[in-house]
Amino acid sequence: MTKEELKRYSAHSLRVWACVLLDEAGKSPEYIKKRLRWLGDSFRMYLRDTSIIQHQHVDALRAASQEVLNLIAALPADVIALWTLTDGTTDPYMSEYADEMD
């Protein structure tokens, strides 16, 4: 790296980079704050939605979705048939509570 390129980076930018890497590694906010000696919670504004974070998110959703699908698949056939018969029908008494449910 040239001297000009090195001048582009400050101690602060290196702390921000470390903050993002620790977040990608799954470290807790308290850990990040302590290790990088942040006094407040301002470090949170530097956290990025990186591709690693996106993959972690998708993996977490995939696991949860698979659990739900496994539960549905384990239901007896008559329960599934009953659900498909009543799905989409409206309860005549639900309209009086609709405003309270929002």
Protein backbone atom coordinates (compact mmCIF):
# COMPACT_ATOMS: atom_id res chain seq x y z
CA MET A 1 0.00 0.00 0.00
CA THR A 2 1.29 3.44 -0.82
CA LYS A 3 1.56 6.22 1.75
CA GLU A 4 -1.33 8.02 0.07
CA GLU A 5 -3.51 4.92 0.36
CA LEU A 6 -2.56 4.51 4.03
CA LYS A 7 -3.60 8.10 4.73
CA ARG A 8 -7.17 7.20 3.74
CA TYR A 9 -7.56 5.07 6.85
CA SER A 10 -7.83 6.30 10.40
CA ALA A 11 -7.90 4.49 13.73
CA HIS A 12 -11.64 5.09 13.69
CA SER A 13 -12.14 3.42 10.31
CA LEU A 14 -10.20 0.39 11.54
CA ARG A 15 -12.44 0.18 14.61
CA VAL A 16 -15.50 0.36 12.37
CA TRP A 17 -14.09 -2.42 10.18
CA ALA A 18 -13.40 -4.54 13.28
CA CYS A 19 -16.93 -3.82 14.52
CA VAL A 20 -18.43 -5.15 11.28
CA LEU A 21 -16.20 -8.24 11.32
CA LEU A 22 -17.11 -9.05 14.93
CA ASP A 23 -20.80 -8.67 14.07
CA GLU A 24 -20.37 -11.04 11.12
CA ALA A 25 -18.70 -13.49 13.49
CA GLY A 26 -21.83 -13.46 15.62
CA LYS A 27 -20.37 -11.63 18.59
CA SER A 28 -22.83 -9.93 20.91
CA PRO A 29 -23.22 -6.15 20.99
CA GLU A 30 -21.79 -6.12 24.52
CA TYR A 31 -18.74 -8.05 23.34
CA ILE A 32 -18.17 -5.64 20.44
CA LYS A 33 -18.61 -2.64 22.71
CA LYS A 34 -16.19 -3.99 25.32
CA ARG A 35 -13.48 -5.27 22.96
CA LEU A 36 -13.40 -2.11 20.85
CA ARG A 37 -13.78 0.17 23.88
CA TRP A 38 -16.90 1.96 22.75
CA LEU A 39 -18.38 4.00 25.60
CA GLY A 40 -21.87 4.26 24.15
CA ASP A 41 -23.95 2.41 21.60
CA SER A 42 -22.83 4.49 18.63
CA PHE A 43 -21.04 1.46 17.20
CA ARG A 44 -24.45 0.09 16.19
CA MET A 45 -24.80 2.68 13.42
CA TYR A 46 -21.76 1.14 11.69
CA LEU A 47 -23.16 -2.39 11.54
CA ARG A 48 -23.82 -3.36 7.94
CA ASP A 49 -26.12 -5.79 6.23
CA THR A 50 -23.26 -7.72 4.67
CA SER A 51 -23.57 -10.86 2.57
CA ILE A 52 -22.43 -12.92 5.56
CA ILE A 53 -25.21 -11.45 7.72
CA GLN A 54 -27.71 -12.08 4.91
CA HIS A 55 -26.62 -15.75 4.67
CA GLN A 56 -26.96 -16.15 8.45
CA HIS A 57 -30.46 -14.68 8.24
CA VAL A 58 -31.52 -16.99 5.40
CA ASP A 59 -30.04 -20.03 7.17
CA ALA A 60 -31.94 -19.18 10.37
CA LEU A 61 -35.20 -18.78 8.44
CA ARG A 62 -34.58 -21.99 6.50
CA ALA A 63 -34.15 -23.98 9.72
CA ALA A 64 -37.29 -22.49 11.30
CA SER A 65 -39.31 -23.01 8.11
CA GLN A 66 -38.20 -26.64 7.92
CA GLU A 67 -39.34 -27.20 11.51
CA VAL A 68 -42.80 -25.84 10.68
CA LEU A 69 -43.02 -27.96 7.53
CA ASN A 70 -42.01 -31.04 9.54
CA LEU A 71 -44.76 -30.30 12.08
CA ILE A 72 -47.35 -29.90 9.32
CA ALA A 73 -46.21 -33.12 7.64
CA ALA A 74 -46.59 -34.95 10.97
CA LEU A 75 -50.25 -33.93 11.33
CA PRO A 76 -52.83 -36.66 10.77
CA ALA A 77 -54.48 -36.58 7.35
CA ASP A 78 -57.93 -35.80 8.81
CA VAL A 79 -56.59 -32.65 10.52
CA ILE A 80 -55.02 -31.44 7.28
CA ALA A 81 -58.26 -32.21 5.39
CA LEU A 82 -60.29 -30.26 7.97
CA TRP A 83 -57.93 -27.30 7.70
CA THR A 84 -58.20 -27.21 3.90
CA LEU A 85 -61.99 -27.29 4.15
CA THR A 86 -62.16 -24.34 6.55
CA ASP A 87 -59.27 -22.31 5.15
CA GLY A 88 -60.50 -19.05 3.69
CA THR A 89 -63.90 -19.14 5.33
CA THR A 90 -64.90 -16.26 7.52
CA ASP A 91 -66.33 -16.45 11.00
CA PRO A 92 -69.54 -14.36 11.09
CA TYR A 93 -68.70 -13.16 14.62
CA MET A 94 -65.12 -12.07 13.86
CA SER A 95 -66.14 -8.82 12.14
CA GLU A 96 -67.30 -7.31 15.43
CA TYR A 97 -63.80 -7.84 16.89
CA ALA A 98 -61.78 -6.82 13.84
CA ASP A 99 -60.98 -3.32 15.10
CA GLU A 100 -59.77 -4.67 18.44
CA MET A 101 -57.36 -7.08 16.77
CA ASP A 102 -55.30 -4.38 15.01
